[in-house]
PDB file of N, CA and C in Angstrom:
ATOM      1  N   MET A   1     -29.415 223.467  21.087  1.00  0.00           N
ATOM      2  CA  MET A   1     -29.058 224.412  22.144  1.00  0.00           C
ATOM      3  C   MET A   1     -27.844 225.232  21.694  1.00  0.00           C
ATOM      4  N   GLU A   2     -27.915 226.523  21.811  1.00  0.00           N
ATOM      5  CA  GLU A   2     -26.810 227.381  21.422  1.00  0.00           C
ATOM      6  C   GLU A   2     -25.707 227.334  22.470  1.00  0.00           C
ATOM      7  N   ARG A   3     -24.506 227.691  22.013  1.00  0.00           N
ATOM      8  CA  ARG A   3     -23.355 227.676  22.901  1.00  0.00           C
ATOM      9  C   ARG A   3     -23.596 228.552  24.124  1.00  0.00           C
ATOM     10  N   SER A   4     -24.113 229.742  23.932  1.00  0.00           N
ATOM     11  CA  SER A   4     -24.321 230.648  25.063  1.00  0.00           C
ATOM     12  C   SER A   4     -25.307 230.060  26.073  1.00  0.00           C
ATOM     13  N   GLU A   5     -26.305 229.368  25.582  1.00  0.00           N
ATOM     14  CA  GLU A   5     -27.265 228.731  26.478  1.00  0.00           C
ATOM     15  C   GLU A   5     -26.607 227.571  27.235  1.00  0.00           C
ATOM     16  N   GLU A   6     -25.777 226.783  26.528  1.00  0.00           N
ATOM     17  CA  GLU A   6     -25.048 225.691  27.182  1.00  0.00           C
ATOM     18  C   GLU A   6     -24.132 226.242  28.269  1.00  0.00           C
ATOM     19  N   LEU A   7     -23.413 227.307  27.931  1.00  0.00           N
ATOM     20  CA  LEU A   7     -22.497 227.920  28.894  1.00  0.00           C
ATOM     21  C   LEU A   7     -23.261 228.475  30.086  1.00  0.00           C
ATOM     22  N   ASN A   8     -24.341 229.168  29.847  1.00  0.00           N
ATOM     23  CA  ASN A   8     -25.149 229.710  30.947  1.00  0.00           C
ATOM     24  C   ASN A   8     -25.660 228.619  31.869  1.00  0.00           C
ATOM     25  N   ASN A   9     -25.940 227.446  31.330  1.00  0.00           N
ATOM     26  CA  ASN A   9     -26.427 226.334  32.146  1.00  0.00           C
ATOM     27  C   ASN A   9     -25.380 225.791  33.112  1.00  0.00           C
ATOM     28  N   ILE A  10     -24.085 225.930  32.768  1.00  0.00           N
ATOM     29  CA  ILE A  10     -23.054 225.400  33.675  1.00  0.00           C
ATOM     30  C   ILE A  10     -22.507 226.448  34.640  1.00  0.00           C
ATOM     31  N   LEU A  11     -22.798 227.723  34.384  1.00  0.00           N
ATOM     32  CA  LEU A  11     -22.307 228.773  35.279  1.00  0.00           C
ATOM     33  C   LEU A  11     -23.138 228.828  36.556  1.00  0.00           C
ATOM     34  N   ASN A  12     -22.457 229.120  37.659  1.00  0.00           N
ATOM     35  CA  ASN A  12     -23.150 229.300  38.933  1.00  0.00           C
ATOM     36  C   ASN A  12     -23.936 230.610  38.912  1.00  0.00           C
ATOM     37  N   GLU A  13     -24.803 230.781  39.884  1.00  0.00           N
ATOM     38  CA  GLU A  13     -25.691 231.942  39.923  1.00  0.00           C
ATOM     39  C   GLU A  13     -24.948 233.273  39.925  1.00  0.00           C
ATOM     40  N   ASN A  14     -23.892 233.395  40.727  1.00  0.00           N
ATOM     41  CA  ASN A  14     -23.160 234.661  40.838  1.00  0.00           C
ATOM     42  C   ASN A  14     -21.915 234.708  39.962  1.00  0.00           C
ATOM     43  N   GLU A  15     -21.758 233.737  39.079  1.00  0.00           N
ATOM     44  CA  GLU A  15     -20.572 233.661  38.234  1.00  0.00           C
ATOM     45  C   GLU A  15     -20.778 234.498  36.971  1.00  0.00           C
ATOM     46  N   GLU A  16     -19.770 235.297  36.642  1.00  0.00           N
ATOM     47  CA  GLU A  16     -19.866 236.119  35.439  1.00  0.00           C
ATOM     48  C   GLU A  16     -18.602 235.975  34.604  1.00  0.00           C
ATOM     49  N   ILE A  17     -18.752 236.075  33.302  1.00  0.00           N
ATOM     50  CA  ILE A  17     -17.622 235.946  32.386  1.00  0.00           C
ATOM     51  C   ILE A  17     -16.858 237.260  32.357  1.00  0.00           C
ATOM     52  N   ILE A  18     -15.551 237.169  32.629  1.00  0.00           N
ATOM     53  CA  ILE A  18     -14.678 238.340  32.629  1.00  0.00           C
ATOM     54  C   ILE A  18     -14.018 238.512  31.263  1.00  0.00           C
ATOM     55  N   LYS A  19     -13.588 237.390  30.680  1.00  0.00           N
ATOM     56  CA  LYS A  19     -12.855 237.423  29.406  1.00  0.00           C
ATOM     57  C   LYS A  19     -13.146 236.145  28.640  1.00  0.00           C
ATOM     58  N   ASP A  20     -13.251 236.254  27.324  1.00  0.00           N
ATOM     59  CA  ASP A  20     -13.401 235.064  26.494  1.00  0.00           C
ATOM     60  C   ASP A  20     -12.557 235.213  25.238  1.00  0.00           C
ATOM     61  N   CYS A  21     -12.005 234.094  24.769  1.00  0.00           N
ATOM     62  CA  CYS A  21     -11.135 234.087  23.597  1.00  0.00           C
ATOM     63  C   CYS A  21     -11.294 232.780  22.846  1.00  0.00           C
ATOM     64  N   ARG A  22     -10.913 232.812  21.585  1.00  0.00           N
ATOM     65  CA  ARG A  22     -10.862 231.586  20.796  1.00  0.00           C
ATOM     66  C   ARG A  22      -9.533 230.897  21.066  1.00  0.00           C
ATOM     67  N   ILE A  23      -9.578 229.589  21.190  1.00  0.00           N
ATOM     68  CA  ILE A  23      -8.369 228.786  21.314  1.00  0.00           C
ATOM     69  C   ILE A  23      -8.444 227.687  20.267  1.00  0.00           C
ATOM     70  N   ALA A  24      -7.332 226.995  20.067  1.00  0.00           N
ATOM     71  CA  ALA A  24      -7.310 225.892  19.113  1.00  0.00           C
ATOM     72  C   ALA A  24      -8.345 224.855  19.530  1.00  0.00           C
ATOM     73  N   GLY A  25      -9.290 224.607  18.676  1.00  0.00           N
ATOM     74  CA  GLY A  25     -10.296 223.585  18.946  1.00  0.00           C
ATOM     75  C   GLY A  25     -11.467 224.028  19.790  1.00  0.00           C
ATOM     76  N   GLY A  26     -11.604 225.315  20.071  1.00  0.00           N
ATOM     77  CA  GLY A  26     -12.743 225.739  20.879  1.00  0.00           C
ATOM     78  C   GLY A  26     -12.623 227.156  21.396  1.00  0.00           C
ATOM     79  N   GLU A  27     -13.099 227.356  22.618  1.00  0.00           N
ATOM     80  CA  GLU A  27     -13.084 228.671  23.254  1.00  0.00           C
ATOM     81  C   GLU A  27     -12.681 228.517  24.716  1.00  0.00           C
ATOM     82  N   ILE A  28     -12.170 229.619  25.277  1.00  0.00           N
ATOM     83  CA  ILE A  28     -11.816 229.644  26.697  1.00  0.00           C
ATOM     84  C   ILE A  28     -12.496 230.861  27.316  1.00  0.00           C
ATOM     85  N   PHE A  29     -13.020 230.672  28.514  1.00  0.00           N
ATOM     86  CA  PHE A  29     -13.722 231.728  29.237  1.00  0.00           C
ATOM     87  C   PHE A  29     -13.103 231.865  30.619  1.00  0.00           C
ATOM     88  N   LEU A  30     -12.856 233.097  31.030  1.00  0.00           N
ATOM     89  CA  LEU A  30     -12.407 233.367  32.391  1.00  0.00           C
ATOM     90  C   LEU A  30     -13.597 233.957  33.123  1.00  0.00           C
ATOM     91  N   THR A  31     -14.002 233.307  34.208  1.00  0.00           N
ATOM     92  CA  THR A  31     -15.082 233.846  35.030  1.00  0.00           C
ATOM     93  C   THR A  31     -14.476 234.318  36.342  1.00  0.00           C
ATOM     94  N   ASN A  32     -15.283 234.868  37.198  1.00  0.00           N
ATOM     95  CA  ASN A  32     -14.790 235.307  38.503  1.00  0.00           C
ATOM     96  C   ASN A  32     -14.510 234.124  39.428  1.00  0.00           C
ATOM     97  N   GLU A  33     -14.826 232.885  39.010  1.00  0.00           N
ATOM     98  CA  GLU A  33     -14.594 231.708  39.842  1.00  0.00           C
ATOM     99  C   GLU A  33     -13.683 230.658  39.221  1.00  0.00           C
ATOM    100  N   ARG A  34     -13.603 230.617  37.875  1.00  0.00           N
ATOM    101  CA  ARG A  34     -12.852 229.529  37.242  1.00  0.00           C
ATOM    102  C   ARG A  34     -12.526 229.827  35.783  1.00  0.00           C
ATOM    103  N   ILE A  35     -11.675 228.969  35.228  1.00  0.00           N
ATOM    104  CA  ILE A  35     -11.378 228.975  33.803  1.00  0.00           C
ATOM    105  C   ILE A  35     -12.237 227.874  33.189  1.00  0.00           C
ATOM    106  N   VAL A  36     -13.022 228.214  32.187  1.00  0.00           N
ATOM    107  CA  VAL A  36     -13.915 227.246  31.542  1.00  0.00           C
ATOM    108  C   VAL A  36     -13.523 227.141  30.071  1.00  0.00           C
ATOM    109  N   THR A  37     -13.431 225.917  29.567  1.00  0.00           N
ATOM    110  CA  THR A  37     -13.148 225.720  28.146  1.00  0.00           C
ATOM    111  C   THR A  37     -14.195 224.815  27.523  1.00  0.00           C
ATOM    112  N   ASN A  38     -14.399 225.012  26.261  1.00  0.00           N
ATOM    113  CA  ASN A  38     -15.190 224.059  25.486  1.00  0.00           C
ATOM    114  C   ASN A  38     -14.372 223.698  24.264  1.00  0.00           C
ATOM    115  N   LYS A  39     -13.695 222.585  24.359  1.00  0.00           N
ATOM    116  CA  LYS A  39     -12.887 222.106  23.247  1.00  0.00           C
ATOM    117  C   LYS A  39     -13.698 221.095  22.459  1.00  0.00           C
ATOM    118  N   ILE A  40     -13.704 221.267  21.167  1.00  0.00           N
ATOM    119  CA  ILE A  40     -14.408 220.332  20.300  1.00  0.00           C
ATOM    120  C   ILE A  40     -13.367 219.362  19.756  1.00  0.00           C
ATOM    121  N   SER A  41     -13.518 218.093  20.072  1.00  0.00           N
ATOM    122  CA  SER A  41     -12.539 217.107  19.631  1.00  0.00           C
ATOM    123  C   SER A  41     -12.717 216.795  18.154  1.00  0.00           C
ATOM    124  N   LEU A  42     -11.665 216.271  17.561  1.00  0.00           N
ATOM    125  CA  LEU A  42     -11.709 215.894  16.157  1.00  0.00           C
ATOM    126  C   LEU A  42     -12.800 214.863  15.911  1.00  0.00           C
ATOM    127  N   LEU A  43     -12.972 213.949  16.851  1.00  0.00           N
ATOM    128  CA  LEU A  43     -13.994 212.916  16.723  1.00  0.00           C
ATOM    129  C   LEU A  43     -15.387 213.544  16.633  1.00  0.00           C
ATOM    130  N   LYS A  44     -15.620 214.575  17.426  1.00  0.00           N
ATOM    131  CA  LYS A  44     -16.922 215.247  17.396  1.00  0.00           C
ATOM    132  C   LYS A  44     -17.119 215.990  16.080  1.00  0.00           C
ATOM    133  N   LYS A  45     -16.033 216.550  15.524  1.00  0.00           N
ATOM    134  CA  LYS A  45     -16.142 217.240  14.243  1.00  0.00           C
ATOM    135  C   LYS A  45     -16.477 216.246  13.134  1.00  0.00           C
ATOM    136  N   ILE A  46     -15.870 215.069  13.184  1.00  0.00           N
ATOM    137  CA  ILE A  46     -16.120 214.051  12.167  1.00  0.00           C
ATOM    138  C   ILE A  46     -17.561 213.565  12.239  1.00  0.00           C
ATOM    139  N   SER A  47     -18.060 213.353  13.441  1.00  0.00           N
ATOM    140  CA  SER A  47     -19.427 212.845  13.592  1.00  0.00           C
ATOM    141  C   SER A  47     -20.483 213.943  13.413  1.00  0.00           C
ATOM    142  N   LEU A  48     -20.016 215.182  13.224  1.00  0.00           N
ATOM    143  CA  LEU A  48     -20.906 216.334  13.035  1.00  0.00           C
ATOM    144  C   LEU A  48     -21.834 216.566  14.221  1.00  0.00           C
ATOM    145  N   SER A  49     -21.384 216.145  15.376  1.00  0.00           N
ATOM    146  CA  SER A  49     -22.165 216.363  16.589  1.00  0.00           C
ATOM    147  C   SER A  49     -22.057 217.829  16.976  1.00  0.00           C
ATOM    148  N   SER A  50     -23.158 218.417  17.348  1.00  0.00           N
ATOM    149  CA  SER A  50     -23.132 219.820  17.756  1.00  0.00           C
ATOM    150  C   SER A  50     -22.878 219.965  19.252  1.00  0.00           C
ATOM    151  N   LYS A  51     -22.791 218.846  19.943  1.00  0.00           N
ATOM    152  CA  LYS A  51     -22.599 218.895  21.390  1.00  0.00           C
ATOM    153  C   LYS A  51     -21.130 219.167  21.719  1.00  0.00           C
ATOM    154  N   THR A  52     -20.903 220.104  22.601  1.00  0.00           N
ATOM    155  CA  THR A  52     -19.547 220.403  23.048  1.00  0.00           C
ATOM    156  C   THR A  52     -19.431 220.011  24.507  1.00  0.00           C
ATOM    157  N   SER A  53     -18.199 219.751  24.910  1.00  0.00           N
ATOM    158  CA  SER A  53     -18.006 219.398  26.312  1.00  0.00           C
ATOM    159  C   SER A  53     -17.233 220.515  26.998  1.00  0.00           C
ATOM    160  N   PHE A  54     -17.699 220.902  28.149  1.00  0.00           N
ATOM    161  CA  PHE A  54     -17.058 221.956  28.919  1.00  0.00           C
ATOM    162  C   PHE A  54     -16.218 221.331  30.024  1.00  0.00           C
ATOM    163  N   SER A  55     -15.064 221.929  30.285  1.00  0.00           N
ATOM    164  CA  SER A  55     -14.260 221.535  31.432  1.00  0.00           C
ATOM    165  C   SER A  55     -13.824 222.818  32.128  1.00  0.00           C
ATOM    166  N   SER A  56     -13.467 222.706  33.397  1.00  0.00           N
ATOM    167  CA  SER A  56     -13.102 223.923  34.122  1.00  0.00           C
ATOM    168  C   SER A  56     -12.026 223.665  35.159  1.00  0.00           C
ATOM    169  N   ILE A  57     -11.318 224.741  35.483  1.00  0.00           N
ATOM    170  CA  ILE A  57     -10.302 224.746  36.537  1.00  0.00           C
ATOM    171  C   ILE A  57     -10.687 225.876  37.486  1.00  0.00           C
ATOM    172  N   PRO A  58     -11.015 225.565  38.744  1.00  0.00           N
ATOM    173  CA  PRO A  58     -11.341 226.630  39.703  1.00  0.00           C
ATOM    174  C   PRO A  58     -10.137 227.559  39.917  1.00  0.00           C
ATOM    175  N   LEU A  59     -10.368 228.856  39.981  1.00  0.00           N
ATOM    176  CA  LEU A  59      -9.270 229.806  40.195  1.00  0.00           C
ATOM    177  C   LEU A  59      -8.554 229.541  41.514  1.00  0.00           C
ATOM    178  N   ALA A  60      -9.279 229.040  42.505  1.00  0.00           N
ATOM    179  CA  ALA A  60      -8.669 228.737  43.803  1.00  0.00           C
ATOM    180  C   ALA A  60      -7.630 227.624  43.689  1.00  0.00           C
ATOM    181  N   ASP A  61      -7.730 226.769  42.659  1.00  0.00           N
ATOM    182  CA  ASP A  61      -6.791 225.662  42.476  1.00  0.00           C
ATOM    183  C   ASP A  61      -5.607 226.014  41.585  1.00  0.00           C
ATOM    184  N   VAL A  62      -5.631 227.190  40.942  1.00  0.00           N
ATOM    185  CA  VAL A  62      -4.535 227.581  40.055  1.00  0.00           C
ATOM    186  C   VAL A  62      -3.310 227.921  40.892  1.00  0.00           C
ATOM    187  N   VAL A  63      -2.217 227.204  40.628  1.00  0.00           N
ATOM    188  CA  VAL A  63      -0.961 227.427  41.343  1.00  0.00           C
ATOM    189  C   VAL A  63      -0.157 228.502  40.622  1.00  0.00           C
ATOM    190  N   SER A  64      -0.078 228.395  39.303  1.00  0.00           N
ATOM    191  CA  SER A  64       0.656 229.367  38.501  1.00  0.00           C
ATOM    192  C   SER A  64       0.233 229.244  37.044  1.00  0.00           C
ATOM    193  N   PHE A  65       0.661 230.214  36.259  1.00  0.00           N
ATOM    194  CA  PHE A  65       0.453 230.134  34.818  1.00  0.00           C
ATOM    195  C   PHE A  65       1.603 230.848  34.134  1.00  0.00           C
ATOM    196  N   LYS A  66       1.895 230.433  32.911  1.00  0.00           N
ATOM    197  CA  LYS A  66       2.987 231.054  32.162  1.00  0.00           C
ATOM    198  C   LYS A  66       2.704 230.949  30.672  1.00  0.00           C
ATOM    199  N   VAL A  67       3.371 231.789  29.924  1.00  0.00           N
ATOM    200  CA  VAL A  67       3.294 231.741  28.470  1.00  0.00           C
ATOM    201  C   VAL A  67       4.432 230.852  28.005  1.00  0.00           C
ATOM    202  N   ALA A  68       4.118 229.905  27.142  1.00  0.00           N
ATOM    203  CA  ALA A  68       5.134 228.983  26.641  1.00  0.00           C
ATOM    204  C   ALA A  68       5.344 229.231  25.155  1.00  0.00           C
ATOM    205  N   ARG A  69       6.578 229.102  24.756  1.00  0.00           N
ATOM    206  CA  ARG A  69       6.901 229.260  23.341  1.00  0.00           C
ATOM    207  C   ARG A  69       6.938 227.897  22.682  1.00  0.00           C
ATOM    208  N   GLY A  70       6.299 227.803  21.579  1.00  0.00           N
ATOM    209  CA  GLY A  70       6.323 226.570  20.799  1.00  0.00           C
ATOM    210  C   GLY A  70       7.390 226.674  19.721  1.00  0.00           C
ATOM    211  N   ILE A  71       7.266 225.859  18.715  1.00  0.00           N
ATOM    212  CA  ILE A  71       8.191 225.892  17.592  1.00  0.00           C
ATOM    213  C   ILE A  71       7.875 227.145  16.764  1.00  0.00           C
ATOM    214  N   PRO A  72       8.877 228.010  16.547  1.00  0.00           N
ATOM    215  CA  PRO A  72       8.624 229.236  15.785  1.00  0.00           C
ATOM    216  C   PRO A  72       8.003 228.940  14.414  1.00  0.00           C
ATOM    217  N   PHE A  73       7.040 229.735  14.032  1.00  0.00           N
ATOM    218  CA  PHE A  73       6.320 229.674  12.753  1.00  0.00           C
ATOM    219  C   PHE A  73       5.374 228.479  12.622  1.00  0.00           C
ATOM    220  N   PHE A  74       5.390 227.542  13.559  1.00  0.00           N
ATOM    221  CA  PHE A  74       4.559 226.353  13.424  1.00  0.00           C
ATOM    222  C   PHE A  74       3.505 226.193  14.508  1.00  0.00           C
ATOM    223  N   SER A  75       3.717 226.797  15.647  1.00  0.00           N
ATOM    224  CA  SER A  75       2.751 226.595  16.730  1.00  0.00           C
ATOM    225  C   SER A  75       2.135 227.924  17.165  1.00  0.00           C
ATOM    226  N   LEU A  76       0.981 227.805  17.760  1.00  0.00           N
ATOM    227  CA  LEU A  76       0.262 228.968  18.267  1.00  0.00           C
ATOM    228  C   LEU A  76       0.786 229.341  19.647  1.00  0.00           C
ATOM    229  N   PRO A  77       0.612 230.608  20.070  1.00  0.00           N
ATOM    230  CA  PRO A  77       1.028 230.999  21.424  1.00  0.00           C
ATOM    231  C   PRO A  77       0.252 230.201  22.472  1.00  0.00           C
ATOM    232  N   ARG A  78       0.963 229.737  23.509  1.00  0.00           N
ATOM    233  CA  ARG A  78       0.362 228.852  24.512  1.00  0.00           C
ATOM    234  C   ARG A  78       0.342 229.462  25.903  1.00  0.00           C
ATOM    235  N   LEU A  79      -0.731 229.147  26.601  1.00  0.00           N
ATOM    236  CA  LEU A  79      -0.841 229.447  28.025  1.00  0.00           C
ATOM    237  C   LEU A  79      -0.785 228.114  28.753  1.00  0.00           C
ATOM    238  N   VAL A  80       0.156 227.986  29.685  1.00  0.00           N
ATOM    239  CA  VAL A  80       0.268 226.774  30.496  1.00  0.00           C
ATOM    240  C   VAL A  80      -0.231 227.114  31.898  1.00  0.00           C
ATOM    241  N   VAL A  81      -1.242 226.384  32.364  1.00  0.00           N
ATOM    242  CA  VAL A  81      -1.822 226.603  33.689  1.00  0.00           C
ATOM    243  C   VAL A  81      -1.478 225.409  34.564  1.00  0.00           C
ATOM    244  N   VAL A  82      -0.849 225.684  35.709  1.00  0.00           N
ATOM    245  CA  VAL A  82      -0.546 224.642  36.694  1.00  0.00           C
ATOM    246  C   VAL A  82      -1.591 224.767  37.791  1.00  0.00           C
ATOM    247  N   TYR A  83      -2.236 223.643  38.108  1.00  0.00           N
ATOM    248  CA  TYR A  83      -3.304 223.667  39.101  1.00  0.00           C
ATOM    249  C   TYR A  83      -3.261 222.411  39.962  1.00  0.00           C
ATOM    250  N   LYS A  84      -3.873 222.508  41.142  1.00  0.00           N
ATOM    251  CA  LYS A  84      -3.949 221.381  42.082  1.00  0.00           C
ATOM    252  C   LYS A  84      -5.148 220.510  41.745  1.00  0.00           C
ATOM    253  N   GLU A  85      -4.896 219.205  41.689  1.00  0.00           N
ATOM    254  CA  GLU A  85      -5.982 218.247  41.526  1.00  0.00           C
ATOM    255  C   GLU A  85      -5.591 216.993  42.285  1.00  0.00           C
ATOM    256  N   GLU A  86      -6.388 216.650  43.275  1.00  0.00           N
ATOM    257  CA  GLU A  86      -6.127 215.478  44.120  1.00  0.00           C
ATOM    258  C   GLU A  86      -4.710 215.506  44.700  1.00  0.00           C
ATOM    259  N   ARG A  87      -4.358 216.641  45.289  1.00  0.00           N
ATOM    260  CA  ARG A  87      -3.080 216.859  45.975  1.00  0.00           C
ATOM    261  C   ARG A  87      -1.851 216.812  45.067  1.00  0.00           C
ATOM    262  N   LYS A  88      -2.047 216.840  43.772  1.00  0.00           N
ATOM    263  CA  LYS A  88      -0.931 216.840  42.829  1.00  0.00           C
ATOM    264  C   LYS A  88      -1.050 218.062  41.927  1.00  0.00           C
ATOM    265  N   ASN A  89       0.109 218.543  41.485  1.00  0.00           N
ATOM    266  CA  ASN A  89       0.111 219.624  40.508  1.00  0.00           C
ATOM    267  C   ASN A  89      -0.047 219.032  39.118  1.00  0.00           C
ATOM    268  N   LYS A  90      -0.988 219.562  38.366  1.00  0.00           N
ATOM    269  CA  LYS A  90      -1.204 219.121  36.988  1.00  0.00           C
ATOM    270  C   LYS A  90      -1.093 220.325  36.074  1.00  0.00           C
ATOM    271  N   GLU A  91      -0.737 220.073  34.823  1.00  0.00           N
ATOM    272  CA  GLU A  91      -0.615 221.138  33.834  1.00  0.00           C
ATOM    273  C   GLU A  91      -1.634 220.950  32.724  1.00  0.00           C
ATOM    274  N   SER A  92      -2.116 222.055  32.250  1.00  0.00           N
ATOM    275  CA  SER A  92      -2.996 222.050  31.092  1.00  0.00           C
ATOM    276  C   SER A  92      -2.565 223.222  30.224  1.00  0.00           C
ATOM    277  N   PHE A  93      -2.524 223.014  28.921  1.00  0.00           N
ATOM    278  CA  PHE A  93      -2.141 224.137  28.071  1.00  0.00           C
ATOM    279  C   PHE A  93      -3.227 224.434  27.051  1.00  0.00           C
ATOM    280  N   PHE A  94      -3.266 225.701  26.670  1.00  0.00           N
ATOM    281  CA  PHE A  94      -4.263 226.196  25.738  1.00  0.00           C
ATOM    282  C   PHE A  94      -3.549 227.002  24.667  1.00  0.00           C
ATOM    283  N   GLU A  95      -3.805 226.698  23.400  1.00  0.00           N
ATOM    284  CA  GLU A  95      -3.193 227.423  22.292  1.00  0.00           C
ATOM    285  C   GLU A  95      -4.161 228.500  21.805  1.00  0.00           C
ATOM    286  N   PHE A  96      -3.700 229.733  21.843  1.00  0.00           N
ATOM    287  CA  PHE A  96      -4.532 230.878  21.476  1.00  0.00           C
ATOM    288  C   PHE A  96      -4.360 231.226  19.999  1.00  0.00           C
ATOM    289  N   ALA A  97      -5.385 231.825  19.435  1.00  0.00           N
ATOM    290  CA  ALA A  97      -5.363 232.200  18.023  1.00  0.00           C
ATOM    291  C   ALA A  97      -4.328 233.291  17.741  1.00  0.00           C
ATOM    292  N   SER A  98      -4.090 234.165  18.704  1.00  0.00           N
ATOM    293  CA  SER A  98      -3.112 235.236  18.504  1.00  0.00           C
ATOM    294  C   SER A  98      -2.403 235.571  19.812  1.00  0.00           C
ATOM    295  N   LYS A  99      -1.244 236.187  19.665  1.00  0.00           N
ATOM    296  CA  LYS A  99      -0.472 236.608  20.833  1.00  0.00           C
ATOM    297  C   LYS A  99      -1.217 237.699  21.609  1.00  0.00           C
ATOM    298  N   VAL A 100      -1.916 238.553  20.903  1.00  0.00           N
ATOM    299  CA  VAL A 100      -2.686 239.631  21.538  1.00  0.00           C
ATOM    300  C   VAL A 100      -3.790 239.043  22.421  1.00  0.00           C
ATOM    301  N   ASP A 101      -4.503 238.030  21.903  1.00  0.00           N
ATOM    302  CA  ASP A 101      -5.542 237.363  22.704  1.00  0.00           C
ATOM    303  C   ASP A 101      -4.943 236.731  23.953  1.00  0.00           C
ATOM    304  N   LEU A 102      -3.799 236.076  23.786  1.00  0.00           N
ATOM    305  CA  LEU A 102      -3.127 235.426  24.916  1.00  0.00           C
ATOM    306  C   LEU A 102      -2.725 236.450  25.968  1.00  0.00           C
ATOM    307  N   GLU A 103      -2.120 237.547  25.548  1.00  0.00           N
ATOM    308  CA  GLU A 103      -1.693 238.585  26.495  1.00  0.00           C
ATOM    309  C   GLU A 103      -2.887 239.183  27.236  1.00  0.00           C
ATOM    310  N   GLY A 104      -3.975 239.424  26.528  1.00  0.00           N
ATOM    311  CA  GLY A 104      -5.180 239.963  27.164  1.00  0.00           C
ATOM    312  C   GLY A 104      -5.769 239.000  28.175  1.00  0.00           C
ATOM    313  N   PHE A 105      -5.772 237.714  27.830  1.00  0.00           N
ATOM    314  CA  PHE A 105      -6.309 236.706  28.745  1.00  0.00           C
ATOM    315  C   PHE A 105      -5.420 236.581  29.982  1.00  0.00           C
ATOM    316  N   CYS A 106      -4.093 236.600  29.783  1.00  0.00           N
ATOM    317  CA  CYS A 106      -3.158 236.523  30.921  1.00  0.00           C
ATOM    318  C   CYS A 106      -3.333 237.713  31.857  1.00  0.00           C
ATOM    319  N   GLN A 107      -3.518 238.899  31.289  1.00  0.00           N
ATOM    320  CA  GLN A 107      -3.729 240.099  32.106  1.00  0.00           C
ATOM    321  C   GLN A 107      -5.000 239.964  32.937  1.00  0.00           C
ATOM    322  N   ALA A 108      -6.072 239.491  32.303  1.00  0.00           N
ATOM    323  CA  ALA A 108      -7.340 239.304  33.024  1.00  0.00           C
ATOM    324  C   ALA A 108      -7.207 238.223  34.092  1.00  0.00           C
ATOM    325  N   LEU A 109      -6.477 237.144  33.780  1.00  0.00           N
ATOM    326  CA  LEU A 109      -6.257 236.065  34.746  1.00  0.00           C
ATOM    327  C   LEU A 109      -5.437 236.560  35.927  1.00  0.00           C
ATOM    328  N   ASN A 110      -4.429 237.360  35.661  1.00  0.00           N
ATOM    329  CA  ASN A 110      -3.604 237.932  36.723  1.00  0.00           C
ATOM    330  C   ASN A 110      -4.442 238.840  37.620  1.00  0.00           C
ATOM    331  N   ASN A 111      -5.287 239.662  37.028  1.00  0.00           N
ATOM    332  CA  ASN A 111      -6.159 240.548  37.810  1.00  0.00           C
ATOM    333  C   ASN A 111      -7.176 239.758  38.626  1.00  0.00           C
ATOM    334  N   ALA A 112      -7.721 238.696  38.053  1.00  0.00           N
ATOM    335  CA  ALA A 112      -8.701 237.866  38.772  1.00  0.00           C
ATOM    336  C   ALA A 112      -8.060 237.160  39.957  1.00  0.00           C
ATOM    337  N   GLY A 113      -6.804 236.777  39.814  1.00  0.00           N
ATOM    338  CA  GLY A 113      -6.096 236.093  40.893  1.00  0.00           C
ATOM    339  C   GLY A 113      -5.750 237.005  42.053  1.00  0.00           C
ATOM    340  N   GLN A 114      -5.692 238.315  41.807  1.00  0.00           N
ATOM    341  CA  GLN A 114      -5.342 239.273  42.854  1.00  0.00           C
ATOM    342  C   GLN A 114      -6.541 239.701  43.679  1.00  0.00           C
ATOM    343  N   LYS A 115      -7.740 239.355  43.238  1.00  0.00           N
ATOM    344  CA  LYS A 115      -8.949 239.782  43.960  1.00  0.00           C
ATOM    345  C   LYS A 115      -9.283 238.841  45.073  1.00  0.00           C
TER     346      LYS A 115
END
């Protein structure tokens, strides 16, 4: 099964992809309803499994997001998303391949949150 087919299988009927980018270990997709990622773990790479696992954060649960700076010259630009899960705030971070990709994704996320 191709990635696009796997992704289409988890999207809701009226859900559409607004923005997609490469992140460390996979890809991130912004839809009109949620943030979806497919991170490929090191264990899956070692076993040569082609299966990826998708996880998502509903946009309605996003409390805030910010750009975080890592160690200069050693880390990739990061997006930190704070979201509600079981009445608690949780954080998840995503490392983007480039600062330009991160800025574009943040702009799209900001626009999606205002709708």
